[in-house]
PDB file of N, CA and C in Angstrom:
ATOM      1  N   MET A   1       2.872   6.062 -14.858  1.00  0.00           N
ATOM      2  CA  MET A   1       2.166   5.791 -16.082  1.00  0.00           C
ATOM      3  C   MET A   1       2.177   4.302 -16.400  1.00  0.00           C
ATOM      4  N   LYS A   2       3.260   3.615 -16.084  1.00  0.00           N
ATOM      5  CA  LYS A   2       3.336   2.189 -16.381  1.00  0.00           C
ATOM      6  C   LYS A   2       2.276   1.408 -15.617  1.00  0.00           C
ATOM      7  N   GLY A   3       2.043   1.802 -14.351  1.00  0.00           N
ATOM      8  CA  GLY A   3       1.035   1.121 -13.540  1.00  0.00           C
ATOM      9  C   GLY A   3      -0.355   1.287 -14.123  1.00  0.00           C
ATOM     10  N   LEU A   4      -0.645   2.471 -14.632  1.00  0.00           N
ATOM     11  CA  LEU A   4      -1.944   2.736 -15.246  1.00  0.00           C
ATOM     12  C   LEU A   4      -2.117   1.897 -16.506  1.00  0.00           C
ATOM     13  N   ALA A   5      -1.089   1.825 -17.322  1.00  0.00           N
ATOM     14  CA  ALA A   5      -1.162   1.034 -18.549  1.00  0.00           C
ATOM     15  C   ALA A   5      -1.308  -0.450 -18.238  1.00  0.00           C
ATOM     16  N   ALA A   6      -0.575  -0.940 -17.247  1.00  0.00           N
ATOM     17  CA  ALA A   6      -0.645  -2.357 -16.888  1.00  0.00           C
ATOM     18  C   ALA A   6      -2.008  -2.716 -16.320  1.00  0.00           C
ATOM     19  N   SER A   7      -2.562  -1.864 -15.464  1.00  0.00           N
ATOM     20  CA  SER A   7      -3.875  -2.166 -14.894  1.00  0.00           C
ATOM     21  C   SER A   7      -4.949  -2.136 -15.974  1.00  0.00           C
ATOM     22  N   GLY A   8      -4.842  -1.234 -16.924  1.00  0.00           N
ATOM     23  CA  GLY A   8      -5.794  -1.191 -18.029  1.00  0.00           C
ATOM     24  C   GLY A   8      -5.683  -2.411 -18.920  1.00  0.00           C
ATOM     25  N   LEU A   9      -4.462  -2.852 -19.168  1.00  0.00           N
ATOM     26  CA  LEU A   9      -4.242  -4.028 -20.005  1.00  0.00           C
ATOM     27  C   LEU A   9      -4.774  -5.287 -19.336  1.00  0.00           C
ATOM     28  N   LEU A  10      -4.445  -5.481 -18.060  1.00  0.00           N
ATOM     29  CA  LEU A  10      -4.914  -6.669 -17.347  1.00  0.00           C
ATOM     30  C   LEU A  10      -6.431  -6.680 -17.223  1.00  0.00           C
ATOM     31  N   GLY A  11      -7.003  -5.535 -16.936  1.00  0.00           N
ATOM     32  CA  GLY A  11      -8.459  -5.457 -16.816  1.00  0.00           C
ATOM     33  C   GLY A  11      -9.148  -5.697 -18.150  1.00  0.00           C
ATOM     34  N   GLY A  12      -8.577  -5.161 -19.211  1.00  0.00           N
ATOM     35  CA  GLY A  12      -9.167  -5.317 -20.533  1.00  0.00           C
ATOM     36  C   GLY A  12      -9.083  -6.731 -21.066  1.00  0.00           C
ATOM     37  N   LEU A  13      -8.039  -7.445 -20.711  1.00  0.00           N
ATOM     38  CA  LEU A  13      -7.875  -8.817 -21.178  1.00  0.00           C
ATOM     39  C   LEU A  13      -8.566  -9.832 -20.280  1.00  0.00           C
ATOM     40  N   GLY A  14      -9.117  -9.380 -19.175  1.00  0.00           N
ATOM     41  CA  GLY A  14      -9.783 -10.307 -18.263  1.00  0.00           C
ATOM     42  C   GLY A  14      -8.809 -11.095 -17.410  1.00  0.00           C
ATOM     43  N   LEU A  15      -7.578 -10.618 -17.283  1.00  0.00           N
ATOM     44  CA  LEU A  15      -6.569 -11.334 -16.508  1.00  0.00           C
ATOM     45  C   LEU A  15      -6.589 -10.947 -15.040  1.00  0.00           C
ATOM     46  N   TRP A  16      -7.364  -9.939 -14.691  1.00  0.00           N
ATOM     47  CA  TRP A  16      -7.444  -9.501 -13.304  1.00  0.00           C
ATOM     48  C   TRP A  16      -8.366 -10.442 -12.562  1.00  0.00           C
ATOM     49  N   ARG A  17      -7.870 -11.088 -11.546  1.00  0.00           N
ATOM     50  CA  ARG A  17      -8.652 -12.053 -10.775  1.00  0.00           C
ATOM     51  C   ARG A  17      -9.149 -11.423  -9.488  1.00  0.00           C
ATOM     52  N   SER A  18     -10.317 -11.847  -9.031  1.00  0.00           N
ATOM     53  CA  SER A  18     -10.857 -11.382  -7.755  1.00  0.00           C
ATOM     54  C   SER A  18     -10.049 -11.997  -6.623  1.00  0.00           C
ATOM     55  N   PRO A  19      -9.797 -11.235  -5.567  1.00  0.00           N
ATOM     56  CA  PRO A  19      -9.112 -11.806  -4.412  1.00  0.00           C
ATOM     57  C   PRO A  19      -9.933 -12.942  -3.808  1.00  0.00           C
ATOM     58  N   ALA A  20      -9.262 -13.887  -3.172  1.00  0.00           N
ATOM     59  CA  ALA A  20      -9.944 -15.047  -2.597  1.00  0.00           C
ATOM     60  C   ALA A  20     -10.972 -14.636  -1.561  1.00  0.00           C
ATOM     61  N   TRP A  21     -10.719 -13.558  -0.817  1.00  0.00           N
ATOM     62  CA  TRP A  21     -11.662 -13.149   0.214  1.00  0.00           C
ATOM     63  C   TRP A  21     -12.919 -12.533  -0.371  1.00  0.00           C
ATOM     64  N   ALA A  22     -12.915 -12.199  -1.656  1.00  0.00           N
ATOM     65  CA  ALA A  22     -14.094 -11.603  -2.277  1.00  0.00           C
ATOM     66  C   ALA A  22     -15.068 -12.653  -2.785  1.00  0.00           C
ATOM     67  N   VAL A  23     -14.642 -13.907  -2.814  1.00  0.00           N
ATOM     68  CA  VAL A  23     -15.502 -14.983  -3.291  1.00  0.00           C
ATOM     69  C   VAL A  23     -16.463 -15.385  -2.183  1.00  0.00           C
ATOM     70  N   ALA A  24     -17.731 -15.519  -2.525  1.00  0.00           N
ATOM     71  CA  ALA A  24     -18.744 -15.880  -1.529  1.00  0.00           C
ATOM     72  C   ALA A  24     -18.530 -17.309  -1.032  1.00  0.00           C
ATOM     73  N   ASN A  25     -18.769 -17.512   0.241  1.00  0.00           N
ATOM     74  CA  ASN A  25     -18.687 -18.847   0.825  1.00  0.00           C
ATOM     75  C   ASN A  25     -19.941 -19.635   0.473  1.00  0.00           C
ATOM     76  N   PRO A  26     -19.840 -20.961   0.361  1.00  0.00           N
ATOM     77  CA  PRO A  26     -21.039 -21.762   0.124  1.00  0.00           C
ATOM     78  C   PRO A  26     -22.050 -21.545   1.252  1.00  0.00           C
ATOM     79  N   GLY A  27     -23.296 -21.376   0.894  1.00  0.00           N
ATOM     80  CA  GLY A  27     -24.332 -21.154   1.883  1.00  0.00           C
ATOM     81  C   GLY A  27     -24.532 -19.698   2.246  1.00  0.00           C
ATOM     82  N   GLN A  28     -23.672 -18.828   1.754  1.00  0.00           N
ATOM     83  CA  GLN A  28     -23.799 -17.396   2.036  1.00  0.00           C
ATOM     84  C   GLN A  28     -24.810 -16.798   1.057  1.00  0.00           C
ATOM     85  N   PRO A  29     -25.745 -15.956   1.545  1.00  0.00           N
ATOM     86  CA  PRO A  29     -26.722 -15.360   0.626  1.00  0.00           C
ATOM     87  C   PRO A  29     -26.046 -14.507  -0.440  1.00  0.00           C
ATOM     88  N   ASN A  30     -26.589 -14.528  -1.652  1.00  0.00           N
ATOM     89  CA  ASN A  30     -25.995 -13.801  -2.771  1.00  0.00           C
ATOM     90  C   ASN A  30     -26.485 -12.370  -2.898  1.00  0.00           C
ATOM     91  N   GLY A  31     -27.541 -12.015  -2.172  1.00  0.00           N
ATOM     92  CA  GLY A  31     -28.080 -10.677  -2.332  1.00  0.00           C
ATOM     93  C   GLY A  31     -28.506 -10.070  -1.016  1.00  0.00           C
ATOM     94  N   LEU A  32     -28.904  -8.823  -1.078  1.00  0.00           N
ATOM     95  CA  LEU A  32     -29.387  -8.120   0.097  1.00  0.00           C
ATOM     96  C   LEU A  32     -30.882  -8.349   0.236  1.00  0.00           C
ATOM     97  N   SER A  33     -31.353  -8.285   1.452  1.00  0.00           N
ATOM     98  CA  SER A  33     -32.793  -8.386   1.674  1.00  0.00           C
ATOM     99  C   SER A  33     -33.209  -7.280   2.621  1.00  0.00           C
ATOM    100  N   GLY A  34     -34.457  -6.909   2.566  1.00  0.00           N
ATOM    101  CA  GLY A  34     -34.961  -5.839   3.413  1.00  0.00           C
ATOM    102  C   GLY A  34     -35.494  -4.694   2.580  1.00  0.00           C
ATOM    103  N   THR A  35     -35.922  -3.645   3.262  1.00  0.00           N
ATOM    104  CA  THR A  35     -36.517  -2.511   2.553  1.00  0.00           C
ATOM    105  C   THR A  35     -35.712  -1.232   2.706  1.00  0.00           C
ATOM    106  N   GLU A  36     -34.772  -1.186   3.640  1.00  0.00           N
ATOM    107  CA  GLU A  36     -33.973   0.023   3.847  1.00  0.00           C
ATOM    108  C   GLU A  36     -32.489  -0.324   3.885  1.00  0.00           C
ATOM    109  N   PHE A  37     -31.686   0.504   3.212  1.00  0.00           N
ATOM    110  CA  PHE A  37     -30.245   0.298   3.178  1.00  0.00           C
ATOM    111  C   PHE A  37     -29.566   1.633   3.421  1.00  0.00           C
ATOM    112  N   ASP A  38     -28.498   1.627   4.183  1.00  0.00           N
ATOM    113  CA  ASP A  38     -27.713   2.828   4.444  1.00  0.00           C
ATOM    114  C   ASP A  38     -26.518   2.804   3.495  1.00  0.00           C
ATOM    115  N   LEU A  39     -26.710   3.349   2.306  1.00  0.00           N
ATOM    116  CA  LEU A  39     -25.692   3.328   1.266  1.00  0.00           C
ATOM    117  C   LEU A  39     -24.998   4.679   1.212  1.00  0.00           C
ATOM    118  N   TYR A  40     -23.683   4.661   1.284  1.00  0.00           N
ATOM    119  CA  TYR A  40     -22.890   5.884   1.200  1.00  0.00           C
ATOM    120  C   TYR A  40     -22.017   5.807  -0.041  1.00  0.00           C
ATOM    121  N   ILE A  41     -22.120   6.804  -0.885  1.00  0.00           N
ATOM    122  CA  ILE A  41     -21.277   6.897  -2.071  1.00  0.00           C
ATOM    123  C   ILE A  41     -20.471   8.179  -1.940  1.00  0.00           C
ATOM    124  N   GLY A  42     -19.164   8.048  -1.950  1.00  0.00           N
ATOM    125  CA  GLY A  42     -18.316   9.214  -1.792  1.00  0.00           C
ATOM    126  C   GLY A  42     -16.986   9.023  -2.492  1.00  0.00           C
ATOM    127  N   GLU A  43     -16.143  10.013  -2.357  1.00  0.00           N
ATOM    128  CA  GLU A  43     -14.823   9.969  -2.976  1.00  0.00           C
ATOM    129  C   GLU A  43     -13.873   9.121  -2.149  1.00  0.00           C
ATOM    130  N   THR A  44     -13.014   8.395  -2.834  1.00  0.00           N
ATOM    131  CA  THR A  44     -11.977   7.602  -2.190  1.00  0.00           C
ATOM    132  C   THR A  44     -10.700   7.761  -2.999  1.00  0.00           C
ATOM    133  N   GLN A  45      -9.590   8.038  -2.326  1.00  0.00           N
ATOM    134  CA  GLN A  45      -8.318   8.150  -3.023  1.00  0.00           C
ATOM    135  C   GLN A  45      -7.827   6.759  -3.406  1.00  0.00           C
ATOM    136  N   VAL A  46      -7.280   6.645  -4.613  1.00  0.00           N
ATOM    137  CA  VAL A  46      -6.779   5.376  -5.118  1.00  0.00           C
ATOM    138  C   VAL A  46      -5.381   5.595  -5.676  1.00  0.00           C
ATOM    139  N   ASN A  47      -4.454   4.711  -5.329  1.00  0.00           N
ATOM    140  CA  ASN A  47      -3.100   4.752  -5.867  1.00  0.00           C
ATOM    141  C   ASN A  47      -2.972   3.618  -6.874  1.00  0.00           C
ATOM    142  N   ILE A  48      -3.016   3.935  -8.159  1.00  0.00           N
ATOM    143  CA  ILE A  48      -2.950   2.893  -9.180  1.00  0.00           C
ATOM    144  C   ILE A  48      -1.537   2.708  -9.732  1.00  0.00           C
ATOM    145  N   THR A  49      -0.569   3.442  -9.189  1.00  0.00           N
ATOM    146  CA  THR A  49       0.799   3.314  -9.684  1.00  0.00           C
ATOM    147  C   THR A  49       1.621   2.342  -8.853  1.00  0.00           C
ATOM    148  N   GLY A  50       1.055   1.851  -7.769  1.00  0.00           N
ATOM    149  CA  GLY A  50       1.765   0.867  -6.956  1.00  0.00           C
ATOM    150  C   GLY A  50       2.516   1.527  -5.893  1.00  0.00           C
TER     151      GLY A  50
END
């Protein structure tokens, strides 16, 4: 329960920072291009208690 409360607090206050690898590199396109995308949306298990 503590992990859930802490993640909610950090997310709500804007203190959660994006990992460095998630930041786009200079010169990297910011969006997708094309007319067809293979998008899969499904369930994923998440451990929010650490």
